[in-house]
Amino acid sequence: MDEIAWSVTGTYRKNKRKFKFEKELIGAKESLIRERILSDLGSRHRIKRRDIDVSEIRELKPAEVKSLELRRRLGVESA
């Protein structure tokens, strides 16, 4: 299974307010990344999936990843 870095951006609504989010994840397919984002945000912030709007999911090159933990998993940084 290939590990691909993805960048996810979007918004979610909670208590009549809008919040922006941007997150980097590693996964094999775009559909799995979308599912993980919906699950993670819903669990962490106690919001329904219908209140989460994922505006963009794009594939990242390993050199574009900002998260040190993900860079190490991809082999860009050494421990």
PDB file of N, CA and C in Angstrom:
ATOM      1  N   MET A   1       0.839  -1.177   0.000  1.00  0.00           N
ATOM      2  CA  MET A   1       0.000   0.000   0.000  1.00  0.00           C
ATOM      3  C   MET A   1       0.888   1.247   0.000  1.00  0.00           C
ATOM      4  N   ASP A   2       0.673   2.126  -0.946  1.00  0.00           N
ATOM      5  CA  ASP A   2       1.466   3.341  -1.045  1.00  0.00           C
ATOM      6  C   ASP A   2       1.017   4.365  -0.013  1.00  0.00           C
ATOM      7  N   GLU A   3       1.981   5.078   0.510  1.00  0.00           N
ATOM      8  CA  GLU A   3       1.673   6.177   1.411  1.00  0.00           C
ATOM      9  C   GLU A   3       1.844   7.474   0.653  1.00  0.00           C
ATOM     10  N   ILE A   4       0.749   8.213   0.520  1.00  0.00           N
ATOM     11  CA  ILE A   4       0.744   9.478  -0.196  1.00  0.00           C
ATOM     12  C   ILE A   4       0.357  10.562   0.796  1.00  0.00           C
ATOM     13  N   ALA A   5       1.033  11.692   0.729  1.00  0.00           N
ATOM     14  CA  ALA A   5       0.708  12.830   1.587  1.00  0.00           C
ATOM     15  C   ALA A   5      -0.398  13.647   0.926  1.00  0.00           C
ATOM     16  N   TRP A   6      -1.376  14.075   1.730  1.00  0.00           N
ATOM     17  CA  TRP A   6      -2.504  14.844   1.247  1.00  0.00           C
ATOM     18  C   TRP A   6      -2.676  16.089   2.106  1.00  0.00           C
ATOM     19  N   SER A   7      -3.126  17.165   1.494  1.00  0.00           N
ATOM     20  CA  SER A   7      -3.475  18.386   2.199  1.00  0.00           C
ATOM     21  C   SER A   7      -4.980  18.580   2.061  1.00  0.00           C
ATOM     22  N   VAL A   8      -5.663  18.792   3.189  1.00  0.00           N
ATOM     23  CA  VAL A   8      -7.114  18.947   3.200  1.00  0.00           C
ATOM     24  C   VAL A   8      -7.445  20.314   3.796  1.00  0.00           C
ATOM     25  N   THR A   9      -8.274  21.079   3.101  1.00  0.00           N
ATOM     26  CA  THR A   9      -8.729  22.377   3.621  1.00  0.00           C
ATOM     27  C   THR A   9     -10.241  22.431   3.543  1.00  0.00           C
ATOM     28  N   GLY A  10     -10.820  23.260   4.402  1.00  0.00           N
ATOM     29  CA  GLY A  10     -12.266  23.412   4.389  1.00  0.00           C
ATOM     30  C   GLY A  10     -12.745  24.200   5.586  1.00  0.00           C
ATOM     31  N   THR A  11     -14.044  24.124   5.834  1.00  0.00           N
ATOM     32  CA  THR A  11     -14.655  24.815   6.959  1.00  0.00           C
ATOM     33  C   THR A  11     -15.634  23.876   7.654  1.00  0.00           C
ATOM     34  N   TYR A  12     -15.955  24.224   8.886  1.00  0.00           N
ATOM     35  CA  TYR A  12     -17.039  23.540   9.586  1.00  0.00           C
ATOM     36  C   TYR A  12     -17.809  24.552  10.416  1.00  0.00           C
ATOM     37  N   ARG A  13     -19.087  24.232  10.644  1.00  0.00           N
ATOM     38  CA  ARG A  13     -19.957  25.117  11.410  1.00  0.00           C
ATOM     39  C   ARG A  13     -20.206  24.512  12.787  1.00  0.00           C
ATOM     40  N   LYS A  14     -20.143  25.394  13.793  1.00  0.00           N
ATOM     41  CA  LYS A  14     -20.466  24.975  15.161  1.00  0.00           C
ATOM     42  C   LYS A  14     -20.999  26.185  15.901  1.00  0.00           C
ATOM     43  N   ASN A  15     -22.171  26.038  16.496  1.00  0.00           N
ATOM     44  CA  ASN A  15     -22.814  27.118  17.255  1.00  0.00           C
ATOM     45  C   ASN A  15     -22.946  28.404  16.439  1.00  0.00           C
ATOM     46  N   LYS A  16     -23.426  28.273  15.204  1.00  0.00           N
ATOM     47  CA  LYS A  16     -23.677  29.401  14.294  1.00  0.00           C
ATOM     48  C   LYS A  16     -22.409  30.171  13.930  1.00  0.00           C
ATOM     49  N   ARG A  17     -21.251  29.558  14.096  1.00  0.00           N
ATOM     50  CA  ARG A  17     -19.980  30.171  13.701  1.00  0.00           C
ATOM     51  C   ARG A  17     -19.286  29.269  12.698  1.00  0.00           C
ATOM     52  N   LYS A  18     -18.469  29.852  11.843  1.00  0.00           N
ATOM     53  CA  LYS A  18     -17.700  29.082  10.856  1.00  0.00           C
ATOM     54  C   LYS A  18     -16.237  29.076  11.260  1.00  0.00           C
ATOM     55  N   PHE A  19     -15.625  27.920  11.157  1.00  0.00           N
ATOM     56  CA  PHE A  19     -14.213  27.761  11.469  1.00  0.00           C
ATOM     57  C   PHE A  19     -13.512  27.153  10.263  1.00  0.00           C
ATOM     58  N   LYS A  20     -12.299  27.629   9.980  1.00  0.00           N
ATOM     59  CA  LYS A  20     -11.495  27.078   8.893  1.00  0.00           C
ATOM     60  C   LYS A  20     -10.565  26.007   9.447  1.00  0.00           C
ATOM     61  N   PHE A  21     -10.242  25.035   8.607  1.00  0.00           N
ATOM     62  CA  PHE A  21      -9.252  24.038   9.002  1.00  0.00           C
ATOM     63  C   PHE A  21      -8.354  23.700   7.819  1.00  0.00           C
ATOM     64  N   GLU A  22      -7.154  23.288   8.145  1.00  0.00           N
ATOM     65  CA  GLU A  22      -6.195  22.790   7.164  1.00  0.00           C
ATOM     66  C   GLU A  22      -5.419  21.684   7.857  1.00  0.00           C
ATOM     67  N   LYS A  23      -5.343  20.529   7.218  1.00  0.00           N
ATOM     68  CA  LYS A  23      -4.714  19.388   7.852  1.00  0.00           C
ATOM     69  C   LYS A  23      -3.947  18.583   6.811  1.00  0.00           C
ATOM     70  N   GLU A  24      -2.815  18.034   7.217  1.00  0.00           N
ATOM     71  CA  GLU A  24      -2.028  17.151   6.354  1.00  0.00           C
ATOM     72  C   GLU A  24      -2.167  15.733   6.890  1.00  0.00           C
ATOM     73  N   LEU A  25      -2.426  14.789   5.971  1.00  0.00           N
ATOM     74  CA  LEU A  25      -2.603  13.392   6.339  1.00  0.00           C
ATOM     75  C   LEU A  25      -1.860  12.505   5.361  1.00  0.00           C
ATOM     76  N   ILE A  26      -1.654  11.260   5.759  1.00  0.00           N
ATOM     77  CA  ILE A  26      -1.067  10.264   4.874  1.00  0.00           C
ATOM     78  C   ILE A  26      -2.091   9.164   4.660  1.00  0.00           C
ATOM     79  N   GLY A  27      -2.279   8.788   3.412  1.00  0.00           N
ATOM     80  CA  GLY A  27      -3.221   7.737   3.085  1.00  0.00           C
ATOM     81  C   GLY A  27      -3.032   7.264   1.660  1.00  0.00           C
ATOM     82  N   ALA A  28      -3.775   6.230   1.299  1.00  0.00           N
ATOM     83  CA  ALA A  28      -3.626   5.636  -0.021  1.00  0.00           C
ATOM     84  C   ALA A  28      -4.523   6.300  -1.073  1.00  0.00           C
ATOM     85  N   LYS A  29      -5.777   6.633  -0.672  1.00  0.00           N
ATOM     86  CA  LYS A  29      -6.733   7.168  -1.637  1.00  0.00           C
ATOM     87  C   LYS A  29      -7.423   8.399  -1.082  1.00  0.00           C
ATOM     88  N   GLU A  30      -7.923   9.230  -1.995  1.00  0.00           N
ATOM     89  CA  GLU A  30      -8.618  10.450  -1.603  1.00  0.00           C
ATOM     90  C   GLU A  30      -9.878  10.144  -0.797  1.00  0.00           C
ATOM     91  N   SER A  31     -10.591   9.095  -1.157  1.00  0.00           N
ATOM     92  CA  SER A  31     -11.821   8.761  -0.435  1.00  0.00           C
ATOM     93  C   SER A  31     -11.536   8.373   1.017  1.00  0.00           C
ATOM     94  N   LEU A  32     -10.419   7.709   1.268  1.00  0.00           N
ATOM     95  CA  LEU A  32     -10.049   7.351   2.642  1.00  0.00           C
ATOM     96  C   LEU A  32      -9.660   8.584   3.452  1.00  0.00           C
ATOM     97  N   ILE A  33      -9.020   9.541   2.807  1.00  0.00           N
ATOM     98  CA  ILE A  33      -8.643  10.784   3.477  1.00  0.00           C
ATOM     99  C   ILE A  33      -9.889  11.581   3.843  1.00  0.00           C
ATOM    100  N   ARG A  34     -10.855  11.667   2.931  1.00  0.00           N
ATOM    101  CA  ARG A  34     -12.107  12.377   3.214  1.00  0.00           C
ATOM    102  C   ARG A  34     -12.824  11.738   4.414  1.00  0.00           C
ATOM    103  N   GLU A  35     -12.880  10.431   4.442  1.00  0.00           N
ATOM    104  CA  GLU A  35     -13.523   9.720   5.545  1.00  0.00           C
ATOM    105  C   GLU A  35     -12.804   9.989   6.869  1.00  0.00           C
ATOM    106  N   ARG A  36     -11.482   9.989   6.843  1.00  0.00           N
ATOM    107  CA  ARG A  36     -10.713  10.232   8.058  1.00  0.00           C
ATOM    108  C   ARG A  36     -10.919  11.652   8.586  1.00  0.00           C
ATOM    109  N   ILE A  37     -10.979  12.633   7.677  1.00  0.00           N
ATOM    110  CA  ILE A  37     -11.222  14.019   8.084  1.00  0.00           C
ATOM    111  C   ILE A  37     -12.599  14.159   8.728  1.00  0.00           C
ATOM    112  N   LEU A  38     -13.631  13.605   8.086  1.00  0.00           N
ATOM    113  CA  LEU A  38     -14.980  13.691   8.635  1.00  0.00           C
ATOM    114  C   LEU A  38     -15.054  13.019   9.999  1.00  0.00           C
ATOM    115  N   SER A  39     -14.421  11.895  10.131  1.00  0.00           N
ATOM    116  CA  SER A  39     -14.422  11.164  11.391  1.00  0.00           C
ATOM    117  C   SER A  39     -13.669  11.917  12.479  1.00  0.00           C
ATOM    118  N   ASP A  40     -12.491  12.424  12.143  1.00  0.00           N
ATOM    119  CA  ASP A  40     -11.650  13.110  13.122  1.00  0.00           C
ATOM    120  C   ASP A  40     -12.283  14.410  13.605  1.00  0.00           C
ATOM    121  N   LEU A  41     -12.743  15.249  12.678  1.00  0.00           N
ATOM    122  CA  LEU A  41     -13.350  16.522  13.068  1.00  0.00           C
ATOM    123  C   LEU A  41     -14.651  16.305  13.833  1.00  0.00           C
ATOM    124  N   GLY A  42     -15.455  15.351  13.390  1.00  0.00           N
ATOM    125  CA  GLY A  42     -16.708  15.064  14.080  1.00  0.00           C
ATOM    126  C   GLY A  42     -16.476  14.584  15.496  1.00  0.00           C
ATOM    127  N   SER A  43     -15.479  13.763  15.678  1.00  0.00           N
ATOM    128  CA  SER A  43     -15.170  13.237  17.003  1.00  0.00           C
ATOM    129  C   SER A  43     -14.539  14.294  17.896  1.00  0.00           C
ATOM    130  N   ARG A  44     -13.595  15.036  17.363  1.00  0.00           N
ATOM    131  CA  ARG A  44     -12.861  16.011  18.164  1.00  0.00           C
ATOM    132  C   ARG A  44     -13.715  17.221  18.551  1.00  0.00           C
ATOM    133  N   HIS A  45     -14.563  17.696  17.627  1.00  0.00           N
ATOM    134  CA  HIS A  45     -15.328  18.920  17.871  1.00  0.00           C
ATOM    135  C   HIS A  45     -16.813  18.673  18.089  1.00  0.00           C
ATOM    136  N   ARG A  46     -17.238  17.414  18.066  1.00  0.00           N
ATOM    137  CA  ARG A  46     -18.647  17.048  18.271  1.00  0.00           C
ATOM    138  C   ARG A  46     -19.572  17.767  17.294  1.00  0.00           C
ATOM    139  N   ILE A  47     -19.255  17.604  16.003  1.00  0.00           N
ATOM    140  CA  ILE A  47     -20.094  18.194  14.962  1.00  0.00           C
ATOM    141  C   ILE A  47     -20.531  17.093  14.004  1.00  0.00           C
ATOM    142  N   LYS A  48     -21.648  17.322  13.349  1.00  0.00           N
ATOM    143  CA  LYS A  48     -22.187  16.367  12.382  1.00  0.00           C
ATOM    144  C   LYS A  48     -21.430  16.473  11.060  1.00  0.00           C
ATOM    145  N   ARG A  49     -21.424  15.390  10.315  1.00  0.00           N
ATOM    146  CA  ARG A  49     -20.754  15.377   9.016  1.00  0.00           C
ATOM    147  C   ARG A  49     -21.351  16.402   8.056  1.00  0.00           C
ATOM    148  N   ARG A  50     -22.632  16.641   8.171  1.00  0.00           N
ATOM    149  CA  ARG A  50     -23.273  17.614   7.269  1.00  0.00           C
ATOM    150  C   ARG A  50     -22.800  19.043   7.524  1.00  0.00           C
ATOM    151  N   ASP A  51     -22.204  19.290   8.691  1.00  0.00           N
ATOM    152  CA  ASP A  51     -21.696  20.620   9.028  1.00  0.00           C
ATOM    153  C   ASP A  51     -20.238  20.818   8.623  1.00  0.00           C
ATOM    154  N   ILE A  52     -19.623  19.805   8.042  1.00  0.00           N
ATOM    155  CA  ILE A  52     -18.225  19.881   7.599  1.00  0.00           C
ATOM    156  C   ILE A  52     -18.203  20.033   6.082  1.00  0.00           C
ATOM    157  N   ASP A  53     -17.532  21.062   5.600  1.00  0.00           N
ATOM    158  CA  ASP A  53     -17.410  21.309   4.163  1.00  0.00           C
ATOM    159  C   ASP A  53     -15.938  21.193   3.773  1.00  0.00           C
ATOM    160  N   VAL A  54     -15.599  20.102   3.109  1.00  0.00           N
ATOM    161  CA  VAL A  54     -14.225  19.897   2.633  1.00  0.00           C
ATOM    162  C   VAL A  54     -14.130  20.567   1.269  1.00  0.00           C
ATOM    163  N   SER A  55     -13.347  21.640   1.184  1.00  0.00           N
ATOM    164  CA  SER A  55     -13.285  22.394  -0.071  1.00  0.00           C
ATOM    165  C   SER A  55     -12.201  21.876  -1.009  1.00  0.00           C
ATOM    166  N   GLU A  56     -11.115  21.335  -0.455  1.00  0.00           N
ATOM    167  CA  GLU A  56     -10.032  20.874  -1.329  1.00  0.00           C
ATOM    168  C   GLU A  56      -9.258  19.732  -0.673  1.00  0.00           C
ATOM    169  N   ILE A  57      -9.005  18.704  -1.463  1.00  0.00           N
ATOM    170  CA  ILE A  57      -8.095  17.623  -1.070  1.00  0.00           C
ATOM    171  C   ILE A  57      -7.094  17.515  -2.202  1.00  0.00           C
ATOM    172  N   ARG A  58      -5.824  17.761  -1.882  1.00  0.00           N
ATOM    173  CA  ARG A  58      -4.823  17.687  -2.948  1.00  0.00           C
ATOM    174  C   ARG A  58      -3.623  16.868  -2.486  1.00  0.00           C
ATOM    175  N   GLU A  59      -3.030  16.216  -3.458  1.00  0.00           N
ATOM    176  CA  GLU A  59      -1.856  15.386  -3.193  1.00  0.00           C
ATOM    177  C   GLU A  59      -0.624  16.280  -3.049  1.00  0.00           C
ATOM    178  N   LEU A  60       0.209  15.964  -2.070  1.00  0.00           N
ATOM    179  CA  LEU A  60       1.434  16.731  -1.837  1.00  0.00           C
ATOM    180  C   LEU A  60       2.653  15.906  -2.211  1.00  0.00           C
ATOM    181  N   LYS A  61       3.678  16.583  -2.679  1.00  0.00           N
ATOM    182  CA  LYS A  61       4.976  15.934  -2.846  1.00  0.00           C
ATOM    183  C   LYS A  61       5.614  15.845  -1.459  1.00  0.00           C
ATOM    184  N   PRO A  62       6.448  14.853  -1.204  1.00  0.00           N
ATOM    185  CA  PRO A  62       7.063  14.728   0.123  1.00  0.00           C
ATOM    186  C   PRO A  62       7.802  15.985   0.576  1.00  0.00           C
ATOM    187  N   ALA A  63       8.388  16.730  -0.327  1.00  0.00           N
ATOM    188  CA  ALA A  63       9.117  17.943   0.050  1.00  0.00           C
ATOM    189  C   ALA A  63       8.187  19.080   0.465  1.00  0.00           C
ATOM    190  N   GLU A  64       6.904  19.030   0.080  1.00  0.00           N
ATOM    191  CA  GLU A  64       5.939  20.082   0.410  1.00  0.00           C
ATOM    192  C   GLU A  64       5.298  19.900   1.782  1.00  0.00           C
ATOM    193  N   VAL A  65       5.466  18.740   2.393  1.00  0.00           N
ATOM    194  CA  VAL A  65       4.829  18.447   3.683  1.00  0.00           C
ATOM    195  C   VAL A  65       5.463  19.297   4.777  1.00  0.00           C
ATOM    196  N   LYS A  66       4.624  19.922   5.613  1.00  0.00           N
ATOM    197  CA  LYS A  66       5.104  20.793   6.681  1.00  0.00           C
ATOM    198  C   LYS A  66       5.267  20.057   8.006  1.00  0.00           C
ATOM    199  N   SER A  67       4.425  19.076   8.274  1.00  0.00           N
ATOM    200  CA  SER A  67       4.432  18.355   9.541  1.00  0.00           C
ATOM    201  C   SER A  67       5.691  17.487   9.664  1.00  0.00           C
ATOM    202  N   LEU A  68       6.426  17.691  10.741  1.00  0.00           N
ATOM    203  CA  LEU A  68       7.669  16.946  10.954  1.00  0.00           C
ATOM    204  C   LEU A  68       7.398  15.456  11.102  1.00  0.00           C
ATOM    205  N   GLU A  69       6.321  15.110  11.793  1.00  0.00           N
ATOM    206  CA  GLU A  69       5.968  13.699  11.986  1.00  0.00           C
ATOM    207  C   GLU A  69       5.693  13.011  10.651  1.00  0.00           C
ATOM    208  N   LEU A  70       4.946  13.672   9.772  1.00  0.00           N
ATOM    209  CA  LEU A  70       4.651  13.092   8.454  1.00  0.00           C
ATOM    210  C   LEU A  70       5.896  13.045   7.585  1.00  0.00           C
ATOM    211  N   ARG A  71       6.756  14.058   7.687  1.00  0.00           N
ATOM    212  CA  ARG A  71       8.010  14.051   6.908  1.00  0.00           C
ATOM    213  C   ARG A  71       8.871  12.859   7.306  1.00  0.00           C
ATOM    214  N   ARG A  72       8.896  12.538   8.584  1.00  0.00           N
ATOM    215  CA  ARG A  72       9.672  11.382   9.046  1.00  0.00           C
ATOM    216  C   ARG A  72       9.072  10.080   8.533  1.00  0.00           C
ATOM    217  N   ARG A  73       7.736   9.978   8.544  1.00  0.00           N
ATOM    218  CA  ARG A  73       7.079   8.763   8.028  1.00  0.00           C
ATOM    219  C   ARG A  73       7.332   8.576   6.539  1.00  0.00           C
ATOM    220  N   LEU A  74       7.436   9.684   5.808  1.00  0.00           N
ATOM    221  CA  LEU A  74       7.675   9.611   4.368  1.00  0.00           C
ATOM    222  C   LEU A  74       9.162   9.431   4.028  1.00  0.00           C
ATOM    223  N   GLY A  75      10.030   9.577   5.029  1.00  0.00           N
ATOM    224  CA  GLY A  75      11.453   9.394   4.816  1.00  0.00           C
ATOM    225  C   GLY A  75      12.174  10.638   4.350  1.00  0.00           C
ATOM    226  N   VAL A  76      11.543  11.803   4.456  1.00  0.00           N
ATOM    227  CA  VAL A  76      12.168  13.058   4.042  1.00  0.00           C
ATOM    228  C   VAL A  76      13.131  13.542   5.138  1.00  0.00           C
ATOM    229  N   GLU A  77      12.725  13.397   6.422  1.00  0.00           N
ATOM    230  CA  GLU A  77      13.534  13.809   7.562  1.00  0.00           C
ATOM    231  C   GLU A  77      14.018  12.541   8.283  1.00  0.00           C
ATOM    232  N   SER A  78      15.186  12.646   8.880  1.00  0.00           N
ATOM    233  CA  SER A  78      15.668  11.526   9.697  1.00  0.00           C
ATOM    234  C   SER A  78      15.404  11.839  11.160  1.00  0.00           C
ATOM    235  N   ALA A  79      15.267  10.789  11.938  1.00  0.00           N
ATOM    236  CA  ALA A  79      14.947  10.956  13.368  1.00  0.00           C
ATOM    237  C   ALA A  79      16.095  11.374  14.138  1.00  0.00           C
TER     238      ALA A  79
END
